[in-house]
Amino acid sequence: MTSTTLWRPTGPEELELVRAAGWRRWPPRLPDQPIFYPVLNEDYAVRIAREWNVPHSGVGFVTRFAVRTEFLDRYEVHQVGGQTILEYWVPAEELEDFNDNLVGEIEVVHEFR
């Protein structure tokens, strides 16, 4: 089994829900969040955490986690800006399946205030 490493910038509320889930699941999306957006490179995640999460919440985190590559193959990679601004768009109703395909734990790799 091969896995793909992904990153996700997140704020304190979402991170607390991840912690409560034993660092093994992303929480369900809120009604105004129809898509879960994991990103494909650390630099992009750092930029979002610094430029969006810190001003919005006072703190921003970057998480790193792995997902079974075979599962991810069902999703298209979206380029949403420059050449390295890449992310997956996982519909909220598919997040449980996504969580079931995580490999290991979700870990915090950066914190910005």
PDB file of N, CA and C in Angstrom:
ATOM      1  N   MET A   1       0.843  -1.183   0.000  1.00  0.00           N
ATOM      2  CA  MET A   1       0.000   0.000   0.000  1.00  0.00           C
ATOM      3  C   MET A   1       0.886   1.244   0.000  1.00  0.00           C
ATOM      4  N   THR A   2       0.606   2.130  -0.909  1.00  0.00           N
ATOM      5  CA  THR A   2       1.326   3.400  -0.930  1.00  0.00           C
ATOM      6  C   THR A   2       0.417   4.491  -0.387  1.00  0.00           C
ATOM      7  N   SER A   3       1.052   5.521   0.147  1.00  0.00           N
ATOM      8  CA  SER A   3       0.286   6.644   0.671  1.00  0.00           C
ATOM      9  C   SER A   3       0.846   7.944   0.120  1.00  0.00           C
ATOM     10  N   THR A   4       0.018   8.963   0.163  1.00  0.00           N
ATOM     11  CA  THR A   4       0.376  10.300  -0.294  1.00  0.00           C
ATOM     12  C   THR A   4       0.311  11.235   0.904  1.00  0.00           C
ATOM     13  N   THR A   5       1.353  12.027   1.085  1.00  0.00           N
ATOM     14  CA  THR A   5       1.377  13.000   2.168  1.00  0.00           C
ATOM     15  C   THR A   5       0.657  14.266   1.733  1.00  0.00           C
ATOM     16  N   LEU A   6      -0.227  14.742   2.596  1.00  0.00           N
ATOM     17  CA  LEU A   6      -0.972  15.976   2.351  1.00  0.00           C
ATOM     18  C   LEU A   6      -0.812  16.887   3.567  1.00  0.00           C
ATOM     19  N   TRP A   7      -1.175  18.143   3.390  1.00  0.00           N
ATOM     20  CA  TRP A   7      -1.138  19.131   4.471  1.00  0.00           C
ATOM     21  C   TRP A   7      -2.490  19.819   4.543  1.00  0.00           C
ATOM     22  N   ARG A   8      -2.786  20.352   5.706  1.00  0.00           N
ATOM     23  CA  ARG A   8      -4.003  21.146   5.861  1.00  0.00           C
ATOM     24  C   ARG A   8      -3.741  22.258   6.863  1.00  0.00           C
ATOM     25  N   PRO A   9      -3.931  23.510   6.428  1.00  0.00           N
ATOM     26  CA  PRO A   9      -3.898  24.617   7.381  1.00  0.00           C
ATOM     27  C   PRO A   9      -5.206  24.607   8.152  1.00  0.00           C
ATOM     28  N   THR A  10      -5.127  24.914   9.430  1.00  0.00           N
ATOM     29  CA  THR A  10      -6.332  24.856  10.247  1.00  0.00           C
ATOM     30  C   THR A  10      -6.249  25.836  11.408  1.00  0.00           C
ATOM     31  N   GLY A  11      -7.390  26.175  11.909  1.00  0.00           N
ATOM     32  CA  GLY A  11      -7.474  27.049  13.075  1.00  0.00           C
ATOM     33  C   GLY A  11      -7.642  26.233  14.346  1.00  0.00           C
ATOM     34  N   PRO A  12      -7.732  26.904  15.485  1.00  0.00           N
ATOM     35  CA  PRO A  12      -7.783  26.201  16.766  1.00  0.00           C
ATOM     36  C   PRO A  12      -9.041  25.358  16.974  1.00  0.00           C
ATOM     37  N   GLU A  13     -10.178  25.789  16.455  1.00  0.00           N
ATOM     38  CA  GLU A  13     -11.415  25.033  16.672  1.00  0.00           C
ATOM     39  C   GLU A  13     -11.353  23.683  15.968  1.00  0.00           C
ATOM     40  N   GLU A  14     -10.963  23.699  14.704  1.00  0.00           N
ATOM     41  CA  GLU A  14     -10.874  22.440  13.967  1.00  0.00           C
ATOM     42  C   GLU A  14      -9.792  21.545  14.569  1.00  0.00           C
ATOM     43  N   LEU A  15      -8.663  22.132  14.956  1.00  0.00           N
ATOM     44  CA  LEU A  15      -7.585  21.333  15.535  1.00  0.00           C
ATOM     45  C   LEU A  15      -8.039  20.654  16.828  1.00  0.00           C
ATOM     46  N   GLU A  16      -8.838  21.331  17.625  1.00  0.00           N
ATOM     47  CA  GLU A  16      -9.339  20.717  18.862  1.00  0.00           C
ATOM     48  C   GLU A  16     -10.222  19.516  18.551  1.00  0.00           C
ATOM     49  N   LEU A  17     -11.004  19.580  17.490  1.00  0.00           N
ATOM     50  CA  LEU A  17     -11.836  18.443  17.094  1.00  0.00           C
ATOM     51  C   LEU A  17     -10.982  17.283  16.597  1.00  0.00           C
ATOM     52  N   VAL A  18      -9.904  17.587  15.899  1.00  0.00           N
ATOM     53  CA  VAL A  18      -8.965  16.540  15.457  1.00  0.00           C
ATOM     54  C   VAL A  18      -8.338  15.870  16.682  1.00  0.00           C
ATOM     55  N   ARG A  19      -7.922  16.682  17.637  1.00  0.00           N
ATOM     56  CA  ARG A  19      -7.331  16.148  18.876  1.00  0.00           C
ATOM     57  C   ARG A  19      -8.339  15.241  19.588  1.00  0.00           C
ATOM     58  N   ALA A  20      -9.594  15.679  19.675  1.00  0.00           N
ATOM     59  CA  ALA A  20     -10.635  14.893  20.345  1.00  0.00           C
ATOM     60  C   ALA A  20     -10.888  13.563  19.634  1.00  0.00           C
ATOM     61  N   ALA A  21     -10.589  13.515  18.349  1.00  0.00           N
ATOM     62  CA  ALA A  21     -10.758  12.284  17.564  1.00  0.00           C
ATOM     63  C   ALA A  21      -9.486  11.436  17.582  1.00  0.00           C
ATOM     64  N   GLY A  22      -8.587  11.712  18.491  1.00  0.00           N
ATOM     65  CA  GLY A  22      -7.380  10.912  18.623  1.00  0.00           C
ATOM     66  C   GLY A  22      -6.368  11.116  17.516  1.00  0.00           C
ATOM     67  N   TRP A  23      -6.433  12.279  16.849  1.00  0.00           N
ATOM     68  CA  TRP A  23      -5.507  12.629  15.760  1.00  0.00           C
ATOM     69  C   TRP A  23      -5.657  11.704  14.552  1.00  0.00           C
ATOM     70  N   ARG A  24      -6.863  11.112  14.395  1.00  0.00           N
ATOM     71  CA  ARG A  24      -7.047  10.141  13.312  1.00  0.00           C
ATOM     72  C   ARG A  24      -8.217  10.454  12.383  1.00  0.00           C
ATOM     73  N   ARG A  25      -8.931  11.581  12.643  1.00  0.00           N
ATOM     74  CA  ARG A  25     -10.081  11.903  11.787  1.00  0.00           C
ATOM     75  C   ARG A  25     -10.238  13.412  11.692  1.00  0.00           C
ATOM     76  N   TRP A  26     -10.699  13.840  10.535  1.00  0.00           N
ATOM     77  CA  TRP A  26     -11.096  15.237  10.354  1.00  0.00           C
ATOM     78  C   TRP A  26     -12.561  15.358  10.734  1.00  0.00           C
ATOM     79  N   PRO A  27     -12.944  16.463  11.369  1.00  0.00           N
ATOM     80  CA  PRO A  27     -14.345  16.610  11.790  1.00  0.00           C
ATOM     81  C   PRO A  27     -15.264  16.845  10.592  1.00  0.00           C
ATOM     82  N   PRO A  28     -16.537  16.512  10.767  1.00  0.00           N
ATOM     83  CA  PRO A  28     -17.507  16.791   9.694  1.00  0.00           C
ATOM     84  C   PRO A  28     -17.490  18.279   9.347  1.00  0.00           C
ATOM     85  N   ARG A  29     -17.788  18.567   8.115  1.00  0.00           N
ATOM     86  CA  ARG A  29     -17.861  19.953   7.650  1.00  0.00           C
ATOM     87  C   ARG A  29     -19.103  20.618   8.228  1.00  0.00           C
ATOM     88  N   LEU A  30     -18.997  21.911   8.420  1.00  0.00           N
ATOM     89  CA  LEU A  30     -20.156  22.703   8.834  1.00  0.00           C
ATOM     90  C   LEU A  30     -21.050  22.935   7.619  1.00  0.00           C
ATOM     91  N   PRO A  31     -22.310  23.329   7.824  1.00  0.00           N
ATOM     92  CA  PRO A  31     -23.221  23.524   6.688  1.00  0.00           C
ATOM     93  C   PRO A  31     -22.677  24.467   5.610  1.00  0.00           C
ATOM     94  N   ASP A  32     -21.890  25.464   6.002  1.00  0.00           N
ATOM     95  CA  ASP A  32     -21.356  26.399   5.007  1.00  0.00           C
ATOM     96  C   ASP A  32     -19.989  25.947   4.467  1.00  0.00           C
ATOM     97  N   GLN A  33     -19.619  24.694   4.718  1.00  0.00           N
ATOM     98  CA  GLN A  33     -18.347  24.126   4.249  1.00  0.00           C
ATOM     99  C   GLN A  33     -18.625  22.857   3.448  1.00  0.00           C
ATOM    100  N   PRO A  34     -19.046  22.982   2.193  1.00  0.00           N
ATOM    101  CA  PRO A  34     -19.407  21.788   1.427  1.00  0.00           C
ATOM    102  C   PRO A  34     -18.210  20.971   0.922  1.00  0.00           C
ATOM    103  N   ILE A  35     -17.012  21.536   1.045  1.00  0.00           N
ATOM    104  CA  ILE A  35     -15.816  20.872   0.515  1.00  0.00           C
ATOM    105  C   ILE A  35     -14.726  20.868   1.589  1.00  0.00           C
ATOM    106  N   PHE A  36     -13.972  19.763   1.653  1.00  0.00           N
ATOM    107  CA  PHE A  36     -12.776  19.648   2.489  1.00  0.00           C
ATOM    108  C   PHE A  36     -11.581  19.800   1.551  1.00  0.00           C
ATOM    109  N   TYR A  37     -10.661  20.703   1.905  1.00  0.00           N
ATOM    110  CA  TYR A  37      -9.561  21.063   1.020  1.00  0.00           C
ATOM    111  C   TYR A  37      -8.192  20.698   1.593  1.00  0.00           C
ATOM    112  N   PRO A  38      -7.719  19.470   1.437  1.00  0.00           N
ATOM    113  CA  PRO A  38      -6.326  19.196   1.783  1.00  0.00           C
ATOM    114  C   PRO A  38      -5.425  19.689   0.643  1.00  0.00           C
ATOM    115  N   VAL A  39      -4.227  20.128   0.978  1.00  0.00           N
ATOM    116  CA  VAL A  39      -3.333  20.682  -0.036  1.00  0.00           C
ATOM    117  C   VAL A  39      -2.127  19.778  -0.250  1.00  0.00           C
ATOM    118  N   LEU A  40      -1.472  19.943  -1.396  1.00  0.00           N
ATOM    119  CA  LEU A  40      -0.420  19.029  -1.800  1.00  0.00           C
ATOM    120  C   LEU A  40       0.987  19.483  -1.459  1.00  0.00           C
ATOM    121  N   ASN A  41       1.145  20.686  -0.916  1.00  0.00           N
ATOM    122  CA  ASN A  41       2.506  21.064  -0.517  1.00  0.00           C
ATOM    123  C   ASN A  41       2.497  21.932   0.730  1.00  0.00           C
ATOM    124  N   GLU A  42       3.548  21.778   1.476  1.00  0.00           N
ATOM    125  CA  GLU A  42       3.677  22.425   2.775  1.00  0.00           C
ATOM    126  C   GLU A  42       3.724  23.942   2.671  1.00  0.00           C
ATOM    127  N   ASP A  43       4.427  24.474   1.670  1.00  0.00           N
ATOM    128  CA  ASP A  43       4.539  25.932   1.532  1.00  0.00           C
ATOM    129  C   ASP A  43       3.176  26.593   1.352  1.00  0.00           C
ATOM    130  N   TYR A  44       2.327  25.988   0.553  1.00  0.00           N
ATOM    131  CA  TYR A  44       0.986  26.522   0.346  1.00  0.00           C
ATOM    132  C   TYR A  44       0.196  26.493   1.659  1.00  0.00           C
ATOM    133  N   ALA A  45       0.292  25.395   2.409  1.00  0.00           N
ATOM    134  CA  ALA A  45      -0.403  25.297   3.695  1.00  0.00           C
ATOM    135  C   ALA A  45       0.100  26.347   4.683  1.00  0.00           C
ATOM    136  N   VAL A  46       1.412  26.573   4.696  1.00  0.00           N
ATOM    137  CA  VAL A  46       1.992  27.593   5.578  1.00  0.00           C
ATOM    138  C   VAL A  46       1.444  28.964   5.224  1.00  0.00           C
ATOM    139  N   ARG A  47       1.376  29.264   3.944  1.00  0.00           N
ATOM    140  CA  ARG A  47       0.869  30.572   3.512  1.00  0.00           C
ATOM    141  C   ARG A  47      -0.568  30.792   3.976  1.00  0.00           C
ATOM    142  N   ILE A  48      -1.413  29.779   3.827  1.00  0.00           N
ATOM    143  CA  ILE A  48      -2.809  29.914   4.256  1.00  0.00           C
ATOM    144  C   ILE A  48      -2.886  30.081   5.775  1.00  0.00           C
ATOM    145  N   ALA A  49      -2.125  29.290   6.513  1.00  0.00           N
ATOM    146  CA  ALA A  49      -2.152  29.380   7.979  1.00  0.00           C
ATOM    147  C   ALA A  49      -1.744  30.769   8.447  1.00  0.00           C
ATOM    148  N   ARG A  50      -0.707  31.316   7.825  1.00  0.00           N
ATOM    149  CA  ARG A  50      -0.228  32.648   8.224  1.00  0.00           C
ATOM    150  C   ARG A  50      -1.165  33.765   7.778  1.00  0.00           C
ATOM    151  N   GLU A  51      -1.615  33.698   6.525  1.00  0.00           N
ATOM    152  CA  GLU A  51      -2.356  34.811   5.930  1.00  0.00           C
ATOM    153  C   GLU A  51      -3.856  34.764   6.211  1.00  0.00           C
ATOM    154  N   TRP A  52      -4.387  33.609   6.540  1.00  0.00           N
ATOM    155  CA  TRP A  52      -5.816  33.531   6.773  1.00  0.00           C
ATOM    156  C   TRP A  52      -6.130  33.130   8.206  1.00  0.00           C
ATOM    157  N   ASN A  53      -5.576  32.003   8.679  1.00  0.00           N
ATOM    158  CA  ASN A  53      -5.926  31.525  10.024  1.00  0.00           C
ATOM    159  C   ASN A  53      -5.474  32.473  11.122  1.00  0.00           C
ATOM    160  N   VAL A  54      -4.253  33.014  11.039  1.00  0.00           N
ATOM    161  CA  VAL A  54      -3.774  33.902  12.104  1.00  0.00           C
ATOM    162  C   VAL A  54      -4.649  35.153  12.209  1.00  0.00           C
ATOM    163  N   PRO A  55      -4.910  35.885  11.111  1.00  0.00           N
ATOM    164  CA  PRO A  55      -5.782  37.055  11.245  1.00  0.00           C
ATOM    165  C   PRO A  55      -7.204  36.694  11.698  1.00  0.00           C
ATOM    166  N   HIS A  56      -7.696  35.548  11.283  1.00  0.00           N
ATOM    167  CA  HIS A  56      -9.061  35.135  11.598  1.00  0.00           C
ATOM    168  C   HIS A  56      -9.196  34.624  13.032  1.00  0.00           C
ATOM    169  N   SER A  57      -8.206  33.854  13.523  1.00  0.00           N
ATOM    170  CA  SER A  57      -8.322  33.185  14.818  1.00  0.00           C
ATOM    171  C   SER A  57      -7.228  33.535  15.815  1.00  0.00           C
ATOM    172  N   GLY A  58      -6.221  34.272  15.375  1.00  0.00           N
ATOM    173  CA  GLY A  58      -5.110  34.584  16.260  1.00  0.00           C
ATOM    174  C   GLY A  58      -4.014  33.533  16.255  1.00  0.00           C
ATOM    175  N   VAL A  59      -4.316  32.388  15.690  1.00  0.00           N
ATOM    176  CA  VAL A  59      -3.332  31.306  15.592  1.00  0.00           C
ATOM    177  C   VAL A  59      -3.672  30.465  14.359  1.00  0.00           C
ATOM    178  N   GLY A  60      -2.631  29.955  13.728  1.00  0.00           N
ATOM    179  CA  GLY A  60      -2.810  29.077  12.574  1.00  0.00           C
ATOM    180  C   GLY A  60      -1.885  27.881  12.711  1.00  0.00           C
ATOM    181  N   PHE A  61      -2.370  26.733  12.343  1.00  0.00           N
ATOM    182  CA  PHE A  61      -1.589  25.505  12.412  1.00  0.00           C
ATOM    183  C   PHE A  61      -1.493  24.901  11.023  1.00  0.00           C
ATOM    184  N   VAL A  62      -0.412  24.189  10.783  1.00  0.00           N
ATOM    185  CA  VAL A  62      -0.283  23.377   9.575  1.00  0.00           C
ATOM    186  C   VAL A  62      -0.174  21.934  10.040  1.00  0.00           C
ATOM    187  N   THR A  63      -1.038  21.102   9.499  1.00  0.00           N
ATOM    188  CA  THR A  63      -1.011  19.678   9.818  1.00  0.00           C
ATOM    189  C   THR A  63      -0.496  18.902   8.618  1.00  0.00           C
ATOM    190  N   ARG A  64       0.065  17.735   8.923  1.00  0.00           N
ATOM    191  CA  ARG A  64       0.540  16.823   7.871  1.00  0.00           C
ATOM    192  C   ARG A  64      -0.072  15.458   8.164  1.00  0.00           C
ATOM    193  N   PHE A  65      -0.479  14.771   7.095  1.00  0.00           N
ATOM    194  CA  PHE A  65      -1.090  13.460   7.251  1.00  0.00           C
ATOM    195  C   PHE A  65      -0.959  12.701   5.942  1.00  0.00           C
ATOM    196  N   ALA A  66      -1.170  11.407   6.008  1.00  0.00           N
ATOM    197  CA  ALA A  66      -1.056  10.563   4.815  1.00  0.00           C
ATOM    198  C   ALA A  66      -2.404   9.911   4.513  1.00  0.00           C
ATOM    199  N   VAL A  67      -2.649   9.716   3.220  1.00  0.00           N
ATOM    200  CA  VAL A  67      -3.884   9.091   2.747  1.00  0.00           C
ATOM    201  C   VAL A  67      -3.494   8.020   1.731  1.00  0.00           C
ATOM    202  N   ARG A  68      -4.221   6.928   1.725  1.00  0.00           N
ATOM    203  CA  ARG A  68      -3.956   5.870   0.734  1.00  0.00           C
ATOM    204  C   ARG A  68      -4.044   6.468  -0.677  1.00  0.00           C
ATOM    205  N   THR A  69      -2.993   6.273  -1.428  1.00  0.00           N
ATOM    206  CA  THR A  69      -2.922   6.840  -2.780  1.00  0.00           C
ATOM    207  C   THR A  69      -4.035   6.289  -3.665  1.00  0.00           C
ATOM    208  N   GLU A  70      -4.312   5.019  -3.549  1.00  0.00           N
ATOM    209  CA  GLU A  70      -5.371   4.414  -4.365  1.00  0.00           C
ATOM    210  C   GLU A  70      -6.710   5.106  -4.139  1.00  0.00           C
ATOM    211  N   PHE A  71      -6.994   5.479  -2.893  1.00  0.00           N
ATOM    212  CA  PHE A  71      -8.227   6.205  -2.583  1.00  0.00           C
ATOM    213  C   PHE A  71      -8.197   7.600  -3.208  1.00  0.00           C
ATOM    214  N   LEU A  72      -7.075   8.307  -3.077  1.00  0.00           N
ATOM    215  CA  LEU A  72      -6.970   9.673  -3.606  1.00  0.00           C
ATOM    216  C   LEU A  72      -7.105   9.724  -5.125  1.00  0.00           C
ATOM    217  N   ASP A  73      -6.798   8.635  -5.789  1.00  0.00           N
ATOM    218  CA  ASP A  73      -6.860   8.610  -7.261  1.00  0.00           C
ATOM    219  C   ASP A  73      -8.249   8.924  -7.794  1.00  0.00           C
ATOM    220  N   ARG A  74      -9.271   8.813  -6.962  1.00  0.00           N
ATOM    221  CA  ARG A  74     -10.629   9.132  -7.431  1.00  0.00           C
ATOM    222  C   ARG A  74     -10.863  10.646  -7.542  1.00  0.00           C
ATOM    223  N   TYR A  75      -9.962  11.439  -6.933  1.00  0.00           N
ATOM    224  CA  TYR A  75     -10.116  12.897  -6.928  1.00  0.00           C
ATOM    225  C   TYR A  75      -9.136  13.559  -7.891  1.00  0.00           C
ATOM    226  N   GLU A  76      -9.591  14.642  -8.469  1.00  0.00           N
ATOM    227  CA  GLU A  76      -8.760  15.451  -9.354  1.00  0.00           C
ATOM    228  C   GLU A  76      -7.979  16.467  -8.518  1.00  0.00           C
ATOM    229  N   VAL A  77      -6.737  16.703  -8.903  1.00  0.00           N
ATOM    230  CA  VAL A  77      -5.952  17.761  -8.272  1.00  0.00           C
ATOM    231  C   VAL A  77      -6.351  19.074  -8.933  1.00  0.00           C
ATOM    232  N   HIS A  78      -6.639  20.085  -8.125  1.00  0.00           N
ATOM    233  CA  HIS A  78      -7.028  21.395  -8.642  1.00  0.00           C
ATOM    234  C   HIS A  78      -5.892  22.387  -8.417  1.00  0.00           C
ATOM    235  N   GLN A  79      -5.527  23.076  -9.495  1.00  0.00           N
ATOM    236  CA  GLN A  79      -4.546  24.154  -9.402  1.00  0.00           C
ATOM    237  C   GLN A  79      -5.346  25.437  -9.248  1.00  0.00           C
ATOM    238  N   VAL A  80      -5.198  26.100  -8.095  1.00  0.00           N
ATOM    239  CA  VAL A  80      -6.067  27.230  -7.773  1.00  0.00           C
ATOM    240  C   VAL A  80      -5.311  28.551  -7.709  1.00  0.00           C
ATOM    241  N   GLY A  81      -4.170  28.600  -8.303  1.00  0.00           N
ATOM    242  CA  GLY A  81      -3.342  29.801  -8.305  1.00  0.00           C
ATOM    243  C   GLY A  81      -2.074  29.486  -9.060  1.00  0.00           C
ATOM    244  N   GLY A  82      -0.950  29.781  -8.449  1.00  0.00           N
ATOM    245  CA  GLY A  82       0.337  29.502  -9.070  1.00  0.00           C
ATOM    246  C   GLY A  82       0.576  28.015  -9.250  1.00  0.00           C
ATOM    247  N   GLN A  83       1.724  27.700  -9.812  1.00  0.00           N
ATOM    248  CA  GLN A  83       2.069  26.328 -10.168  1.00  0.00           C
ATOM    249  C   GLN A  83       2.034  25.365  -8.979  1.00  0.00           C
ATOM    250  N   THR A  84       2.336  25.851  -7.793  1.00  0.00           N
ATOM    251  CA  THR A  84       2.372  24.978  -6.616  1.00  0.00           C
ATOM    252  C   THR A  84       1.144  25.126  -5.720  1.00  0.00           C
ATOM    253  N   ILE A  85       0.137  25.845  -6.180  1.00  0.00           N
ATOM    254  CA  ILE A  85      -1.087  26.039  -5.398  1.00  0.00           C
ATOM    255  C   ILE A  85      -2.067  24.935  -5.794  1.00  0.00           C
ATOM    256  N   LEU A  86      -1.856  23.766  -5.179  1.00  0.00           N
ATOM    257  CA  LEU A  86      -2.586  22.563  -5.564  1.00  0.00           C
ATOM    258  C   LEU A  86      -3.354  22.007  -4.371  1.00  0.00           C
ATOM    259  N   GLU A  87      -4.578  21.548  -4.636  1.00  0.00           N
ATOM    260  CA  GLU A  87      -5.395  20.987  -3.571  1.00  0.00           C
ATOM    261  C   GLU A  87      -6.377  19.967  -4.131  1.00  0.00           C
ATOM    262  N   TYR A  88      -6.835  19.107  -3.251  1.00  0.00           N
ATOM    263  CA  TYR A  88      -7.932  18.195  -3.573  1.00  0.00           C
ATOM    264  C   TYR A  88      -9.219  18.835  -3.069  1.00  0.00           C
ATOM    265  N   TRP A  89     -10.315  18.533  -3.745  1.00  0.00           N
ATOM    266  CA  TRP A  89     -11.629  18.989  -3.320  1.00  0.00           C
ATOM    267  C   TRP A  89     -12.446  17.749  -2.962  1.00  0.00           C
ATOM    268  N   VAL A  90     -12.599  17.512  -1.675  1.00  0.00           N
ATOM    269  CA  VAL A  90     -13.316  16.335  -1.196  1.00  0.00           C
ATOM    270  C   VAL A  90     -14.697  16.799  -0.721  1.00  0.00           C
ATOM    271  N   PRO A  91     -15.765  16.351  -1.382  1.00  0.00           N
ATOM    272  CA  PRO A  91     -17.113  16.747  -0.940  1.00  0.00           C
ATOM    273  C   PRO A  91     -17.359  16.335   0.505  1.00  0.00           C
ATOM    274  N   ALA A  92     -18.045  17.181   1.239  1.00  0.00           N
ATOM    275  CA  ALA A  92     -18.298  16.938   2.660  1.00  0.00           C
ATOM    276  C   ALA A  92     -18.910  15.567   2.904  1.00  0.00           C
ATOM    277  N   GLU A  93     -19.791  15.126   2.020  1.00  0.00           N
ATOM    278  CA  GLU A  93     -20.452  13.837   2.227  1.00  0.00           C
ATOM    279  C   GLU A  93     -19.502  12.651   2.021  1.00  0.00           C
ATOM    280  N   GLU A  94     -18.288  12.893   1.513  1.00  0.00           N
ATOM    281  CA  GLU A  94     -17.295  11.835   1.322  1.00  0.00           C
ATOM    282  C   GLU A  94     -16.184  11.885   2.376  1.00  0.00           C
ATOM    283  N   LEU A  95     -16.304  12.793   3.344  1.00  0.00           N
ATOM    284  CA  LEU A  95     -15.226  12.959   4.317  1.00  0.00           C
ATOM    285  C   LEU A  95     -15.046  11.731   5.214  1.00  0.00           C
ATOM    286  N   GLU A  96     -16.113  11.024   5.539  1.00  0.00           N
ATOM    287  CA  GLU A  96     -15.958   9.815   6.353  1.00  0.00           C
ATOM    288  C   GLU A  96     -15.128   8.766   5.616  1.00  0.00           C
ATOM    289  N   ASP A  97     -15.380   8.588   4.315  1.00  0.00           N
ATOM    290  CA  ASP A  97     -14.566   7.664   3.515  1.00  0.00           C
ATOM    291  C   ASP A  97     -13.113   8.144   3.467  1.00  0.00           C
ATOM    292  N   PHE A  98     -12.928   9.440   3.319  1.00  0.00           N
ATOM    293  CA  PHE A  98     -11.582  10.015   3.318  1.00  0.00           C
ATOM    294  C   PHE A  98     -10.889   9.670   4.642  1.00  0.00           C
ATOM    295  N   ASN A  99     -11.570   9.914   5.751  1.00  0.00           N
ATOM    296  CA  ASN A  99     -11.012   9.599   7.069  1.00  0.00           C
ATOM    297  C   ASN A  99     -10.668   8.119   7.210  1.00  0.00           C
ATOM    298  N   ASP A 100     -11.503   7.262   6.646  1.00  0.00           N
ATOM    299  CA  ASP A 100     -11.251   5.823   6.721  1.00  0.00           C
ATOM    300  C   ASP A 100      -9.996   5.424   5.949  1.00  0.00           C
ATOM    301  N   ASN A 101      -9.507   6.299   5.094  1.00  0.00           N
ATOM    302  CA  ASN A 101      -8.325   6.017   4.280  1.00  0.00           C
ATOM    303  C   ASN A 101      -7.081   6.771   4.733  1.00  0.00           C
ATOM    304  N   LEU A 102      -7.162   7.418   5.903  1.00  0.00           N
ATOM    305  CA  LEU A 102      -5.962   8.022   6.475  1.00  0.00           C
ATOM    306  C   LEU A 102      -5.014   6.912   6.919  1.00  0.00           C
ATOM    307  N   VAL A 103      -3.729   7.193   6.807  1.00  0.00           N
ATOM    308  CA  VAL A 103      -2.702   6.244   7.227  1.00  0.00           C
ATOM    309  C   VAL A 103      -1.942   6.899   8.381  1.00  0.00           C
ATOM    310  N   GLY A 104      -2.094   6.363   9.573  1.00  0.00           N
ATOM    311  CA  GLY A 104      -1.412   6.942  10.730  1.00  0.00           C
ATOM    312  C   GLY A 104      -2.165   8.150  11.265  1.00  0.00           C
ATOM    313  N   GLU A 105      -1.432   8.975  12.009  1.00  0.00           N
ATOM    314  CA  GLU A 105      -2.037  10.117  12.689  1.00  0.00           C
ATOM    315  C   GLU A 105      -1.853  11.424  11.922  1.00  0.00           C
ATOM    316  N   ILE A 106      -2.736  12.353  12.221  1.00  0.00           N
ATOM    317  CA  ILE A 106      -2.616  13.735  11.754  1.00  0.00           C
ATOM    318  C   ILE A 106      -1.656  14.419  12.729  1.00  0.00           C
ATOM    319  N   GLU A 107      -0.641  15.094  12.227  1.00  0.00           N
ATOM    320  CA  GLU A 107       0.311  15.743  13.125  1.00  0.00           C
ATOM    321  C   GLU A 107       0.448  17.229  12.813  1.00  0.00           C
ATOM    322  N   VAL A 108       0.657  18.009  13.860  1.00  0.00           N
ATOM    323  CA  VAL A 108       0.892  19.440  13.710  1.00  0.00           C
ATOM    324  C   VAL A 108       2.378  19.630  13.413  1.00  0.00           C
ATOM    325  N   VAL A 109       2.666  20.327  12.301  1.00  0.00           N
ATOM    326  CA  VAL A 109       4.070  20.549  11.934  1.00  0.00           C
ATOM    327  C   VAL A 109       4.487  22.010  12.029  1.00  0.00           C
ATOM    328  N   HIS A 110       3.520  22.941  12.113  1.00  0.00           N
ATOM    329  CA  HIS A 110       3.818  24.362  12.276  1.00  0.00           C
ATOM    330  C   HIS A 110       2.713  25.020  13.080  1.00  0.00           C
ATOM    331  N   GLU A 111       3.092  26.057  13.818  1.00  0.00           N
ATOM    332  CA  GLU A 111       2.138  26.875  14.558  1.00  0.00           C
ATOM    333  C   GLU A 111       2.565  28.334  14.388  1.00  0.00           C
ATOM    334  N   PHE A 112       1.613  29.184  14.034  1.00  0.00           N
ATOM    335  CA  PHE A 112       1.886  30.615  13.828  1.00  0.00           C
ATOM    336  C   PHE A 112       0.922  31.431  14.672  1.00  0.00           C
ATOM    337  N   ARG A 113       1.466  32.519  15.257  1.00  0.00           N
ATOM    338  CA  ARG A 113       0.629  33.423  16.054  1.00  0.00           C
ATOM    339  C   ARG A 113       0.819  34.839  15.579  1.00  0.00           C
TER     340      ARG A 113
END
